[in-house]
Amino acid sequence: GPFLQMAHVNGATCPAMGKNCHACGKPDHFSPRCPTRDKGKFGANGGMGVGSKSKMAHITIGNVQDTHRRRCSPTILLNVIRDDGSVGAQISDVIPDPGAEVSVGGRDVMAALGLVEKDLAASSFDLVMADRSSPLLSIGQRDIHIRYGDRSAHITIVFCPEIRGMLLCRLDCVELNILHRQYPKPLSRVRSVTFSLPEENPPSDTTSTSSGGTFLK
C-alpha cells in the first residue's frame, strides 16, 4: 500500500519486516500483499459490500495498545444481535474510545463472534496506525448488529490480530448514546423549568334565606 511504498522510498524500515503473513505463514510481508492470497473469497460471506478497496495509507486508532497490558479504562458489555432479534453472542470488556476513528477488535473478538479470517470482508484499510505505536495489520472487517442498554446500532469492526479486546470508536459511541452528538463540545446547561400548581377553586360565598335555602351573594 502507499504506506509501505512511502517507507521504501524514504529508506525507512518496512513495517512488514520480521512479521509473518497470516495468509501463507511466510515472513516479511502482510497478508493483504501476499502473492498467494485469494482475494476472490473475501466479501462472499456478508459484511460490508466489497467494492474497490480504499487506498488510504492508514488511519489513526486512538490509544490502541499492541501489547497484552490492559488499560485501566471503563469497559462495557455489548450484545450481538441476530437477524431474528435474539442475542447471538456477547463481547465483553469493550473500551469506548472517543479517540478511535474506527472500531477495532482482535482475534479474541473474532473467536467470541465465531468468525475465522475467511468470514471477513476485505478491509478498507491494509494497515492501521496505533497511537504512539507501530503500524498494525488489518486482516478484514465485518458488519455486526449490537445492542447496549436500550440502544442498538449496526457497526463495522476492523480486525487486527496483533491486539486483544475491542475499542468502540467515537461514531459508534454516539450511536449507542455513550457520547452526545456534539462531542467534544461540552453539554449545554439545561435551564430549570418551574411549574406552578393550579389554584383550587375558592368556596362560593352563600347566604341563607329565611326559608332555609341559599343564594349566591
N, C-alpha and C. Protein backbone atom coordinates (compact mmCIF):
# COMPACT_ATOMS: atom_id res chain seq x y z
N GLY A 1 0.83 -1.19 0.00
CA GLY A 1 0.00 0.00 0.00
C GLY A 1 0.86 1.24 0.00
N PRO A 2 0.26 2.43 -0.09
CA PRO A 2 1.04 3.68 -0.10
C PRO A 2 1.92 3.84 1.11
N PHE A 3 1.48 3.33 2.28
CA PHE A 3 2.30 3.46 3.49
C PHE A 3 3.60 2.68 3.32
N LEU A 4 3.49 1.45 2.78
CA LEU A 4 4.69 0.64 2.59
C LEU A 4 5.59 1.27 1.53
N GLN A 5 4.98 1.77 0.45
CA GLN A 5 5.78 2.38 -0.59
C GLN A 5 6.52 3.60 -0.07
N MET A 6 5.86 4.38 0.78
CA MET A 6 6.50 5.56 1.36
C MET A 6 7.71 5.16 2.19
N ALA A 7 7.54 4.06 2.97
CA ALA A 7 8.65 3.59 3.79
C ALA A 7 9.82 3.18 2.92
N HIS A 8 9.52 2.53 1.77
CA HIS A 8 10.59 2.09 0.90
C HIS A 8 11.29 3.27 0.24
N VAL A 9 10.52 4.27 -0.20
CA VAL A 9 11.11 5.42 -0.88
C VAL A 9 12.00 6.21 0.06
N ASN A 10 11.57 6.36 1.29
CA ASN A 10 12.33 7.16 2.26
C ASN A 10 13.47 6.37 2.89
N GLY A 11 13.59 5.12 2.56
CA GLY A 11 14.66 4.32 3.13
C GLY A 11 14.39 3.84 4.53
N ALA A 12 13.16 4.05 5.03
CA ALA A 12 12.81 3.59 6.37
C ALA A 12 12.57 2.08 6.35
N THR A 13 12.64 1.50 7.53
CA THR A 13 12.41 0.06 7.64
C THR A 13 10.96 -0.26 7.32
N CYS A 14 10.76 -1.20 6.44
CA CYS A 14 9.39 -1.61 6.09
C CYS A 14 8.72 -2.23 7.31
N PRO A 15 7.50 -1.81 7.65
CA PRO A 15 6.83 -2.37 8.84
C PRO A 15 6.52 -3.84 8.72
N ALA A 16 6.61 -4.40 7.49
CA ALA A 16 6.33 -5.83 7.33
C ALA A 16 7.54 -6.70 7.66
N MET A 17 8.72 -6.09 7.78
CA MET A 17 9.93 -6.87 8.05
C MET A 17 9.82 -7.57 9.40
N GLY A 18 10.09 -8.85 9.38
CA GLY A 18 10.03 -9.63 10.62
C GLY A 18 8.65 -10.11 10.99
N LYS A 19 7.63 -9.69 10.24
CA LYS A 19 6.26 -10.12 10.51
C LYS A 19 5.89 -11.27 9.58
N ASN A 20 5.08 -12.19 10.08
CA ASN A 20 4.64 -13.32 9.28
C ASN A 20 3.29 -13.04 8.65
N CYS A 21 3.13 -13.45 7.41
CA CYS A 21 1.87 -13.30 6.70
C CYS A 21 0.82 -14.22 7.32
N HIS A 22 -0.37 -13.70 7.58
CA HIS A 22 -1.43 -14.51 8.15
C HIS A 22 -2.13 -15.38 7.10
N ALA A 23 -1.79 -15.17 5.82
CA ALA A 23 -2.41 -15.97 4.77
C ALA A 23 -1.57 -17.21 4.42
N CYS A 24 -0.24 -17.00 4.24
CA CYS A 24 0.61 -18.13 3.84
C CYS A 24 1.63 -18.53 4.90
N GLY A 25 1.82 -17.70 5.93
CA GLY A 25 2.76 -18.03 7.00
C GLY A 25 4.19 -17.64 6.71
N LYS A 26 4.48 -17.11 5.53
CA LYS A 26 5.84 -16.73 5.19
C LYS A 26 6.16 -15.35 5.75
N PRO A 27 7.46 -15.07 5.98
CA PRO A 27 7.83 -13.80 6.63
C PRO A 27 7.93 -12.63 5.66
N ASP A 28 8.03 -11.45 6.26
CA ASP A 28 8.41 -10.20 5.59
C ASP A 28 7.35 -9.64 4.64
N HIS A 29 6.10 -10.02 4.81
CA HIS A 29 5.02 -9.33 4.10
C HIS A 29 3.72 -9.57 4.84
N PHE A 30 2.76 -8.66 4.63
CA PHE A 30 1.44 -8.78 5.23
C PHE A 30 0.49 -9.49 4.27
N SER A 31 -0.55 -10.09 4.84
CA SER A 31 -1.48 -10.87 4.02
C SER A 31 -2.17 -10.06 2.93
N PRO A 32 -2.48 -8.74 3.13
CA PRO A 32 -3.09 -8.01 2.01
C PRO A 32 -2.20 -7.92 0.77
N ARG A 33 -0.88 -8.13 0.94
CA ARG A 33 0.04 -8.09 -0.19
C ARG A 33 0.65 -9.47 -0.47
N CYS A 34 0.02 -10.51 0.04
CA CYS A 34 0.53 -11.87 -0.17
C CYS A 34 0.33 -12.27 -1.63
N PRO A 35 1.38 -12.76 -2.31
CA PRO A 35 1.21 -13.15 -3.72
C PRO A 35 0.31 -14.36 -3.90
N THR A 36 0.09 -15.14 -2.83
CA THR A 36 -0.77 -16.33 -2.94
C THR A 36 -2.16 -16.08 -2.42
N ARG A 37 -2.45 -14.84 -2.06
CA ARG A 37 -3.75 -14.52 -1.45
C ARG A 37 -4.87 -14.65 -2.48
N ASP A 38 -5.92 -15.35 -2.10
CA ASP A 38 -7.09 -15.49 -2.96
C ASP A 38 -8.09 -14.41 -2.60
N LYS A 39 -8.00 -13.29 -3.30
CA LYS A 39 -8.87 -12.17 -2.94
C LYS A 39 -10.33 -12.43 -3.28
N GLY A 40 -10.60 -13.40 -4.12
CA GLY A 40 -11.98 -13.65 -4.50
C GLY A 40 -12.83 -14.19 -3.40
N LYS A 41 -12.20 -14.76 -2.36
CA LYS A 41 -13.01 -15.36 -1.30
C LYS A 41 -13.54 -14.32 -0.34
N PHE A 42 -12.99 -13.12 -0.34
CA PHE A 42 -13.42 -12.13 0.63
C PHE A 42 -14.69 -11.46 0.16
N GLY A 43 -15.55 -11.18 1.12
CA GLY A 43 -16.77 -10.47 0.83
C GLY A 43 -17.92 -11.36 0.43
N ALA A 44 -17.72 -12.66 0.28
CA ALA A 44 -18.79 -13.56 -0.12
C ALA A 44 -19.63 -14.00 1.05
N ASN A 45 -19.22 -13.64 2.25
CA ASN A 45 -19.93 -14.12 3.44
C ASN A 45 -20.59 -12.99 4.19
N GLY A 46 -21.09 -12.01 3.48
CA GLY A 46 -21.81 -10.94 4.16
C GLY A 46 -20.86 -9.84 4.56
N GLY A 47 -21.24 -9.08 5.56
CA GLY A 47 -20.46 -7.94 5.96
C GLY A 47 -20.68 -6.79 4.99
N MET A 48 -19.78 -5.88 4.98
CA MET A 48 -19.93 -4.73 4.10
C MET A 48 -19.73 -5.17 2.66
N GLY A 49 -20.44 -4.54 1.76
CA GLY A 49 -20.30 -4.89 0.36
C GLY A 49 -18.87 -4.68 -0.09
N VAL A 50 -18.38 -5.56 -0.94
CA VAL A 50 -17.00 -5.50 -1.37
C VAL A 50 -16.92 -4.67 -2.63
N GLY A 51 -16.53 -3.45 -2.53
CA GLY A 51 -16.29 -2.62 -3.68
C GLY A 51 -14.80 -2.50 -3.88
N SER A 52 -14.39 -1.48 -4.61
CA SER A 52 -12.96 -1.27 -4.76
C SER A 52 -12.37 -0.85 -3.43
N LYS A 53 -11.21 -1.39 -3.13
CA LYS A 53 -10.59 -1.14 -1.83
C LYS A 53 -10.06 0.28 -1.76
N SER A 54 -10.33 0.93 -0.65
CA SER A 54 -9.81 2.28 -0.44
C SER A 54 -8.29 2.24 -0.40
N LYS A 55 -7.67 3.28 -0.92
CA LYS A 55 -6.22 3.34 -0.97
C LYS A 55 -5.63 4.22 0.12
N MET A 56 -6.38 4.42 1.20
CA MET A 56 -5.82 5.17 2.32
C MET A 56 -4.62 4.42 2.88
N ALA A 57 -3.59 5.17 3.20
CA ALA A 57 -2.38 4.54 3.73
C ALA A 57 -2.62 3.98 5.12
N HIS A 58 -3.25 4.75 5.97
CA HIS A 58 -3.53 4.28 7.31
C HIS A 58 -4.55 5.21 7.94
N ILE A 59 -5.10 4.80 9.03
CA ILE A 59 -5.96 5.65 9.83
C ILE A 59 -5.44 5.62 11.25
N THR A 60 -5.84 6.57 12.02
CA THR A 60 -5.41 6.63 13.41
C THR A 60 -6.44 5.96 14.29
N ILE A 61 -5.99 5.04 15.10
CA ILE A 61 -6.85 4.42 16.11
C ILE A 61 -6.31 4.86 17.45
N GLY A 62 -7.04 5.72 18.11
CA GLY A 62 -6.54 6.30 19.34
C GLY A 62 -6.36 5.29 20.44
N ASN A 63 -5.21 5.33 21.07
CA ASN A 63 -4.96 4.58 22.30
C ASN A 63 -4.95 3.07 22.14
N VAL A 64 -4.75 2.56 20.94
CA VAL A 64 -4.62 1.11 20.79
C VAL A 64 -3.30 0.67 21.40
N GLN A 65 -3.31 -0.41 22.15
CA GLN A 65 -2.09 -0.99 22.69
C GLN A 65 -1.82 -2.29 21.95
N ASP A 66 -0.61 -2.46 21.40
CA ASP A 66 -0.31 -3.71 20.72
C ASP A 66 0.40 -4.68 21.65
N THR A 67 0.33 -4.43 22.94
CA THR A 67 0.77 -5.39 23.93
C THR A 67 -0.45 -5.96 24.61
N HIS A 68 -0.26 -6.89 25.53
CA HIS A 68 -1.39 -7.51 26.21
C HIS A 68 -1.72 -6.85 27.53
N ARG A 69 -1.10 -5.70 27.79
CA ARG A 69 -1.43 -4.99 29.03
C ARG A 69 -2.78 -4.34 28.89
N ARG A 70 -3.61 -4.49 29.93
CA ARG A 70 -4.93 -3.90 29.91
C ARG A 70 -4.87 -2.48 30.47
N ARG A 71 -5.53 -1.57 29.81
CA ARG A 71 -5.60 -0.22 30.33
C ARG A 71 -6.66 -0.15 31.41
N CYS A 72 -6.46 0.74 32.36
CA CYS A 72 -7.45 0.93 33.42
C CYS A 72 -8.53 1.86 32.90
N SER A 73 -9.32 1.37 32.00
CA SER A 73 -10.38 2.15 31.38
C SER A 73 -11.71 1.48 31.66
N PRO A 74 -12.78 2.26 31.73
CA PRO A 74 -14.10 1.65 31.91
C PRO A 74 -14.47 0.79 30.71
N THR A 75 -15.05 -0.34 30.96
CA THR A 75 -15.42 -1.26 29.89
C THR A 75 -16.92 -1.53 29.92
N ILE A 76 -17.45 -1.96 28.79
CA ILE A 76 -18.86 -2.28 28.68
C ILE A 76 -19.03 -3.65 28.03
N LEU A 77 -20.23 -4.18 28.13
CA LEU A 77 -20.59 -5.46 27.51
C LEU A 77 -21.57 -5.19 26.39
N LEU A 78 -21.26 -5.67 25.19
CA LEU A 78 -22.13 -5.49 24.04
C LEU A 78 -22.80 -6.81 23.68
N ASN A 79 -24.09 -6.77 23.43
CA ASN A 79 -24.82 -7.92 22.91
C ASN A 79 -24.83 -7.86 21.39
N VAL A 80 -24.50 -8.99 20.76
CA VAL A 80 -24.54 -9.09 19.31
C VAL A 80 -25.88 -9.69 18.91
N ILE A 81 -26.62 -9.00 18.06
CA ILE A 81 -27.99 -9.36 17.75
C ILE A 81 -28.07 -10.11 16.42
N ARG A 82 -28.80 -11.24 16.45
CA ARG A 82 -29.06 -11.99 15.22
C ARG A 82 -30.15 -11.30 14.40
N ASP A 83 -30.38 -11.83 13.20
CA ASP A 83 -31.41 -11.26 12.33
C ASP A 83 -32.80 -11.38 12.94
N ASP A 84 -33.03 -12.42 13.78
CA ASP A 84 -34.35 -12.59 14.38
C ASP A 84 -34.52 -11.77 15.66
N GLY A 85 -33.51 -10.99 16.02
CA GLY A 85 -33.59 -10.14 17.20
C GLY A 85 -33.07 -10.76 18.47
N SER A 86 -32.69 -12.04 18.44
CA SER A 86 -32.16 -12.69 19.63
C SER A 86 -30.68 -12.37 19.79
N VAL A 87 -30.17 -12.60 21.00
CA VAL A 87 -28.75 -12.37 21.29
C VAL A 87 -27.95 -13.57 20.83
N GLY A 88 -27.04 -13.35 19.88
CA GLY A 88 -26.25 -14.45 19.36
C GLY A 88 -24.90 -14.60 20.02
N ALA A 89 -24.37 -13.52 20.57
CA ALA A 89 -23.06 -13.56 21.23
C ALA A 89 -22.91 -12.30 22.07
N GLN A 90 -21.87 -12.29 22.88
CA GLN A 90 -21.56 -11.12 23.69
C GLN A 90 -20.08 -10.80 23.55
N ILE A 91 -19.77 -9.52 23.53
CA ILE A 91 -18.39 -9.06 23.51
C ILE A 91 -18.15 -8.33 24.82
N SER A 92 -17.28 -8.87 25.64
CA SER A 92 -17.03 -8.30 26.96
C SER A 92 -15.80 -7.39 26.94
N ASP A 93 -15.68 -6.57 27.97
CA ASP A 93 -14.52 -5.69 28.15
C ASP A 93 -14.27 -4.78 26.95
N VAL A 94 -15.34 -4.27 26.37
CA VAL A 94 -15.20 -3.33 25.26
C VAL A 94 -14.89 -1.95 25.83
N ILE A 95 -13.89 -1.28 25.26
CA ILE A 95 -13.48 0.04 25.74
C ILE A 95 -14.04 1.12 24.80
N PRO A 96 -14.96 1.95 25.27
CA PRO A 96 -15.38 3.10 24.45
C PRO A 96 -14.21 4.08 24.34
N ASP A 97 -13.80 4.39 23.12
CA ASP A 97 -12.63 5.23 22.92
C ASP A 97 -12.97 6.40 22.00
N PRO A 98 -13.18 7.59 22.56
CA PRO A 98 -13.53 8.75 21.73
C PRO A 98 -12.44 9.12 20.73
N GLY A 99 -11.20 8.65 20.95
CA GLY A 99 -10.12 8.97 20.03
C GLY A 99 -9.99 8.01 18.88
N ALA A 100 -10.76 6.94 18.86
CA ALA A 100 -10.66 5.95 17.79
C ALA A 100 -11.54 6.35 16.62
N GLU A 101 -10.99 6.28 15.42
CA GLU A 101 -11.74 6.63 14.22
C GLU A 101 -12.50 5.45 13.65
N VAL A 102 -12.19 4.25 14.09
CA VAL A 102 -12.88 3.06 13.62
C VAL A 102 -12.89 2.06 14.76
N SER A 103 -13.94 1.26 14.86
CA SER A 103 -13.98 0.22 15.89
C SER A 103 -13.07 -0.92 15.46
N VAL A 104 -12.26 -1.41 16.37
CA VAL A 104 -11.25 -2.41 16.04
C VAL A 104 -11.28 -3.51 17.08
N GLY A 105 -11.06 -4.74 16.64
CA GLY A 105 -11.05 -5.89 17.54
C GLY A 105 -9.92 -6.84 17.21
N GLY A 106 -9.56 -7.67 18.18
CA GLY A 106 -8.52 -8.66 17.98
C GLY A 106 -9.09 -10.04 17.67
N ARG A 107 -8.20 -11.03 17.63
CA ARG A 107 -8.64 -12.39 17.34
C ARG A 107 -9.56 -12.94 18.42
N ASP A 108 -9.41 -12.48 19.66
CA ASP A 108 -10.30 -12.95 20.71
C ASP A 108 -11.73 -12.50 20.45
N VAL A 109 -11.90 -11.33 19.85
CA VAL A 109 -13.24 -10.87 19.49
C VAL A 109 -13.78 -11.70 18.33
N MET A 110 -12.93 -12.03 17.37
CA MET A 110 -13.35 -12.91 16.29
C MET A 110 -13.83 -14.24 16.84
N ALA A 111 -13.09 -14.79 17.81
CA ALA A 111 -13.48 -16.07 18.40
C ALA A 111 -14.82 -15.95 19.12
N ALA A 112 -15.03 -14.83 19.82
CA ALA A 112 -16.30 -14.63 20.53
C ALA A 112 -17.47 -14.57 19.56
N LEU A 113 -17.22 -14.08 18.35
CA LEU A 113 -18.26 -13.98 17.33
C LEU A 113 -18.36 -15.23 16.48
N GLY A 114 -17.47 -16.20 16.71
CA GLY A 114 -17.48 -17.42 15.90
C GLY A 114 -16.99 -17.20 14.49
N LEU A 115 -16.07 -16.25 14.29
CA LEU A 115 -15.58 -15.92 12.96
C LEU A 115 -14.15 -16.42 12.76
N VAL A 116 -13.83 -16.75 11.52
CA VAL A 116 -12.45 -17.01 11.11
C VAL A 116 -12.14 -16.03 9.98
N GLU A 117 -10.88 -15.99 9.57
CA GLU A 117 -10.47 -14.96 8.63
C GLU A 117 -11.23 -15.02 7.31
N LYS A 118 -11.59 -16.21 6.86
CA LYS A 118 -12.30 -16.32 5.59
C LYS A 118 -13.73 -15.78 5.67
N ASP A 119 -14.24 -15.56 6.88
CA ASP A 119 -15.58 -14.99 7.04
C ASP A 119 -15.59 -13.47 6.92
N LEU A 120 -14.42 -12.85 6.85
CA LEU A 120 -14.33 -11.40 6.86
C LEU A 120 -14.41 -10.83 5.46
N ALA A 121 -15.00 -9.65 5.37
CA ALA A 121 -14.96 -8.89 4.12
C ALA A 121 -13.61 -8.19 4.02
N ALA A 122 -13.21 -7.88 2.79
CA ALA A 122 -11.95 -7.18 2.60
C ALA A 122 -12.01 -5.83 3.30
N SER A 123 -11.00 -5.54 4.08
CA SER A 123 -10.97 -4.29 4.84
C SER A 123 -10.64 -3.12 3.94
N SER A 124 -11.19 -1.98 4.27
CA SER A 124 -10.85 -0.75 3.54
C SER A 124 -9.44 -0.27 3.87
N PHE A 125 -8.84 -0.87 4.90
CA PHE A 125 -7.55 -0.39 5.39
C PHE A 125 -6.59 -1.58 5.50
N ASP A 126 -5.48 -1.55 4.74
CA ASP A 126 -4.48 -2.61 4.86
C ASP A 126 -3.74 -2.53 6.18
N LEU A 127 -3.44 -1.30 6.60
CA LEU A 127 -2.73 -1.07 7.85
C LEU A 127 -3.49 -0.03 8.65
N VAL A 128 -3.44 -0.16 9.95
CA VAL A 128 -3.95 0.89 10.82
C VAL A 128 -2.80 1.37 11.68
N MET A 129 -2.81 2.63 12.02
CA MET A 129 -1.73 3.22 12.79
C MET A 129 -2.20 3.45 14.22
N ALA A 130 -1.57 2.77 15.14
CA ALA A 130 -1.93 2.93 16.54
C ALA A 130 -1.27 4.16 17.12
N ASP A 131 -1.92 4.75 18.09
CA ASP A 131 -1.39 5.93 18.76
C ASP A 131 -0.13 5.55 19.53
N ARG A 132 0.97 6.25 19.23
CA ARG A 132 2.26 6.01 19.89
C ARG A 132 2.69 4.54 19.75
N SER A 133 2.42 3.94 18.63
CA SER A 133 2.77 2.54 18.45
C SER A 133 3.13 2.30 16.99
N SER A 134 3.37 1.04 16.65
CA SER A 134 3.75 0.69 15.29
C SER A 134 2.51 0.41 14.45
N PRO A 135 2.66 0.37 13.12
CA PRO A 135 1.51 0.03 12.28
C PRO A 135 1.00 -1.37 12.60
N LEU A 136 -0.31 -1.53 12.56
CA LEU A 136 -0.93 -2.81 12.85
C LEU A 136 -1.61 -3.34 11.60
N LEU A 137 -1.44 -4.62 11.35
CA LEU A 137 -2.04 -5.27 10.19
C LEU A 137 -3.55 -5.40 10.37
N SER A 138 -4.28 -5.04 9.34
CA SER A 138 -5.73 -5.29 9.31
C SER A 138 -5.99 -6.45 8.36
N ILE A 139 -6.67 -7.48 8.85
CA ILE A 139 -6.90 -8.67 8.03
C ILE A 139 -8.31 -8.73 7.45
N GLY A 140 -9.16 -7.80 7.81
CA GLY A 140 -10.52 -7.80 7.28
C GLY A 140 -11.47 -7.08 8.20
N GLN A 141 -12.72 -7.02 7.81
CA GLN A 141 -13.72 -6.35 8.62
C GLN A 141 -15.05 -7.09 8.52
N ARG A 142 -15.94 -6.77 9.44
CA ARG A 142 -17.26 -7.43 9.46
C ARG A 142 -18.29 -6.48 10.04
N ASP A 143 -19.46 -6.43 9.42
CA ASP A 143 -20.59 -5.68 9.96
C ASP A 143 -21.32 -6.54 10.98
N ILE A 144 -21.67 -5.95 12.12
CA ILE A 144 -22.48 -6.65 13.11
C ILE A 144 -23.54 -5.69 13.66
N HIS A 145 -24.58 -6.27 14.23
CA HIS A 145 -25.65 -5.51 14.86
C HIS A 145 -25.48 -5.69 16.37
N ILE A 146 -25.33 -4.61 17.10
CA ILE A 146 -25.07 -4.70 18.54
C ILE A 146 -26.13 -3.93 19.30
N ARG A 147 -26.26 -4.29 20.58
CA ARG A 147 -27.17 -3.57 21.47
C ARG A 147 -26.43 -3.28 22.77
N TYR A 148 -26.64 -2.08 23.28
CA TYR A 148 -26.10 -1.68 24.57
C TYR A 148 -27.20 -0.93 25.31
N GLY A 149 -27.67 -1.49 26.41
CA GLY A 149 -28.79 -0.89 27.11
C GLY A 149 -30.03 -0.93 26.23
N ASP A 150 -30.66 0.22 26.06
CA ASP A 150 -31.85 0.29 25.21
C ASP A 150 -31.55 0.82 23.82
N ARG A 151 -30.27 0.90 23.45
CA ARG A 151 -29.88 1.40 22.14
C ARG A 151 -29.21 0.29 21.33
N SER A 152 -29.43 0.31 20.02
CA SER A 152 -28.78 -0.65 19.14
C SER A 152 -28.21 0.09 17.93
N ALA A 153 -27.25 -0.54 17.27
CA ALA A 153 -26.61 0.09 16.12
C ALA A 153 -25.95 -0.98 15.26
N HIS A 154 -25.83 -0.70 13.98
CA HIS A 154 -25.05 -1.53 13.07
C HIS A 154 -23.66 -0.91 12.96
N ILE A 155 -22.64 -1.67 13.29
CA ILE A 155 -21.28 -1.14 13.28
C ILE A 155 -20.38 -2.04 12.44
N THR A 156 -19.22 -1.52 12.09
CA THR A 156 -18.20 -2.29 11.37
C THR A 156 -16.98 -2.43 12.27
N ILE A 157 -16.52 -3.67 12.45
CA ILE A 157 -15.31 -3.93 13.22
C ILE A 157 -14.18 -4.27 12.26
N VAL A 158 -13.07 -3.56 12.37
CA VAL A 158 -11.85 -3.89 11.64
C VAL A 158 -11.00 -4.76 12.55
N PHE A 159 -10.56 -5.91 12.06
CA PHE A 159 -9.85 -6.87 12.91
C PHE A 159 -8.35 -6.79 12.69
N CYS A 160 -7.62 -6.68 13.80
CA CYS A 160 -6.16 -6.63 13.82
C CYS A 160 -5.67 -7.73 14.75
N PRO A 161 -5.02 -8.76 14.25
CA PRO A 161 -4.64 -9.91 15.08
C PRO A 161 -3.59 -9.60 16.13
N GLU A 162 -2.92 -8.46 16.04
CA GLU A 162 -1.86 -8.16 16.99
C GLU A 162 -2.36 -7.51 18.27
N ILE A 163 -3.65 -7.29 18.39
CA ILE A 163 -4.18 -6.72 19.62
C ILE A 163 -5.19 -7.68 20.23
N ARG A 164 -5.56 -7.39 21.46
CA ARG A 164 -6.61 -8.14 22.14
C ARG A 164 -7.71 -7.18 22.54
N GLY A 165 -8.92 -7.70 22.63
CA GLY A 165 -10.03 -6.88 23.07
C GLY A 165 -10.61 -6.07 21.93
N MET A 166 -11.38 -5.06 22.30
CA MET A 166 -12.07 -4.25 21.30
C MET A 166 -12.16 -2.80 21.76
N LEU A 167 -11.96 -1.89 20.82
CA LEU A 167 -12.20 -0.47 21.03
C LEU A 167 -13.43 -0.07 20.22
N LEU A 168 -14.30 0.69 20.86
CA LEU A 168 -15.50 1.19 20.19
C LEU A 168 -15.26 2.64 19.80
N CYS A 169 -15.33 2.94 18.51
CA CYS A 169 -14.94 4.26 18.03
C CYS A 169 -15.97 5.33 18.40
N ARG A 170 -15.58 6.57 18.17
CA ARG A 170 -16.39 7.72 18.57
C ARG A 170 -17.79 7.68 17.95
N LEU A 171 -17.86 7.45 16.63
CA LEU A 171 -19.17 7.47 15.97
C LEU A 171 -20.09 6.38 16.50
N ASP A 172 -19.53 5.20 16.78
CA ASP A 172 -20.35 4.12 17.33
C ASP A 172 -20.77 4.43 18.76
N CYS A 173 -19.91 5.11 19.50
CA CYS A 173 -20.29 5.54 20.86
C CYS A 173 -21.45 6.53 20.80
N VAL A 174 -21.44 7.39 19.81
CA VAL A 174 -22.55 8.34 19.66
C VAL A 174 -23.84 7.60 19.32
N GLU A 175 -23.76 6.62 18.42
CA GLU A 175 -24.95 5.87 18.03
C GLU A 175 -25.56 5.12 19.21
N LEU A 176 -24.71 4.68 20.14
CA LEU A 176 -25.20 3.95 21.31
C LEU A 176 -25.50 4.88 22.48
N ASN A 177 -25.42 6.18 22.24
CA ASN A 177 -25.73 7.19 23.26
C ASN A 177 -24.74 7.19 24.42
N ILE A 178 -23.53 6.66 24.18
CA ILE A 178 -22.47 6.73 25.18
C ILE A 178 -21.86 8.13 25.17
N LEU A 179 -21.75 8.71 23.99
CA LEU A 179 -21.31 10.10 23.83
C LEU A 179 -22.44 10.89 23.20
N HIS A 180 -22.53 12.18 23.54
CA HIS A 180 -23.55 13.01 22.91
C HIS A 180 -23.08 13.43 21.52
N ARG A 181 -24.02 13.80 20.67
CA ARG A 181 -23.73 14.01 19.25
C ARG A 181 -22.83 15.21 18.99
N GLN A 182 -22.76 16.15 19.92
CA GLN A 182 -21.89 17.32 19.73
C GLN A 182 -20.51 17.12 20.35
N TYR A 183 -20.20 15.91 20.84
CA TYR A 183 -18.89 15.65 21.42
C TYR A 183 -17.81 16.03 20.41
N PRO A 184 -16.73 16.72 20.81
CA PRO A 184 -16.29 17.00 22.19
C PRO A 184 -16.76 18.33 22.76
N LYS A 185 -17.76 18.94 22.15
CA LYS A 185 -18.29 20.16 22.76
C LYS A 185 -18.93 19.82 24.10
N PRO A 186 -18.86 20.73 25.05
CA PRO A 186 -19.47 20.44 26.36
C PRO A 186 -20.99 20.38 26.24
N LEU A 187 -21.57 19.63 27.14
CA LEU A 187 -23.02 19.55 27.18
C LEU A 187 -23.60 20.91 27.55
N SER A 188 -24.68 21.27 26.89
CA SER A 188 -25.34 22.54 27.21
C SER A 188 -26.02 22.44 28.56
N ARG A 189 -25.95 23.54 29.30
CA ARG A 189 -26.62 23.56 30.60
C ARG A 189 -28.13 23.61 30.39
N VAL A 190 -28.81 22.74 31.09
CA VAL A 190 -30.27 22.68 30.99
C VAL A 190 -30.85 23.67 31.98
N ARG A 191 -31.64 24.61 31.48
CA ARG A 191 -32.28 25.58 32.36
C ARG A 191 -33.42 24.92 33.12
N SER A 192 -33.51 25.24 34.39
CA SER A 192 -34.58 24.66 35.20
C SER A 192 -35.91 25.32 34.84
N VAL A 193 -36.93 24.52 34.80
CA VAL A 193 -38.26 25.00 34.48
C VAL A 193 -39.15 24.77 35.69
N THR A 194 -39.83 25.83 36.13
CA THR A 194 -40.69 25.74 37.31
C THR A 194 -42.15 25.69 36.88
N PHE A 195 -42.82 24.67 37.38
CA PHE A 195 -44.25 24.54 37.12
C PHE A 195 -45.00 24.87 38.40
N SER A 196 -46.03 25.74 38.29
CA SER A 196 -46.85 26.07 39.46
C SER A 196 -48.13 25.25 39.41
N LEU A 197 -48.55 24.79 40.57
CA LEU A 197 -49.78 24.02 40.66
C LEU A 197 -50.98 24.94 40.44
N PRO A 198 -52.00 24.46 39.74
CA PRO A 198 -53.20 25.30 39.55
C PRO A 198 -53.88 25.58 40.88
N GLU A 199 -54.42 26.81 41.03
CA GLU A 199 -55.10 27.17 42.26
C GLU A 199 -56.44 26.44 42.36
N GLU A 200 -56.75 26.03 43.58
CA GLU A 200 -58.03 25.38 43.80
C GLU A 200 -59.14 26.42 43.72
N ASN A 201 -60.32 26.00 43.25
CA ASN A 201 -61.46 26.92 43.18
C ASN A 201 -61.88 27.32 44.59
N PRO A 202 -61.97 28.64 44.87
CA PRO A 202 -62.36 29.07 46.22
C PRO A 202 -63.82 28.71 46.48
N PRO A 203 -64.18 28.46 47.74
CA PRO A 203 -65.57 28.12 48.05
C PRO A 203 -66.49 29.30 47.76
N SER A 204 -67.69 28.99 47.31
CA SER A 204 -68.67 30.04 47.00
C SER A 204 -69.16 30.70 48.27
N ASP A 205 -69.34 32.01 48.22
CA ASP A 205 -69.87 32.78 49.36
C ASP A 205 -71.39 32.77 49.27
N THR A 206 -72.04 32.12 50.21
CA THR A 206 -73.50 31.96 50.16
C THR A 206 -74.13 32.57 51.39
N THR A 207 -75.41 32.92 51.27
CA THR A 207 -76.19 33.47 52.38
C THR A 207 -77.49 32.68 52.51
N SER A 208 -77.83 32.34 53.72
CA SER A 208 -79.05 31.57 53.96
C SER A 208 -80.26 32.49 53.91
N THR A 209 -81.35 31.98 53.39
CA THR A 209 -82.63 32.70 53.39
C THR A 209 -83.44 32.24 54.57
N SER A 210 -84.50 32.97 54.79
CA SER A 210 -85.36 32.63 55.94
C SER A 210 -86.04 31.30 55.76
N SER A 211 -86.18 30.88 54.50
CA SER A 211 -86.83 29.59 54.26
C SER A 211 -85.86 28.44 54.31
N GLY A 212 -84.63 28.76 54.64
CA GLY A 212 -83.63 27.69 54.74
C GLY A 212 -82.85 27.47 53.47
N GLY A 213 -83.24 28.13 52.34
CA GLY A 213 -82.48 27.98 51.11
C GLY A 213 -81.27 28.88 51.10
N THR A 214 -80.49 28.77 50.08
CA THR A 214 -79.29 29.61 49.94
C THR A 214 -79.30 30.27 48.58
N PHE A 215 -78.65 31.39 48.51
CA PHE A 215 -78.46 32.03 47.20
C PHE A 215 -77.06 32.63 47.19
N LEU A 216 -76.51 32.78 45.98
CA LEU A 216 -75.16 33.34 45.85
C LEU A 216 -75.19 34.80 46.14
N LYS A 217 -74.18 35.26 46.82
CA LYS A 217 -74.11 36.65 47.24
C LYS A 217 -73.56 37.50 46.11
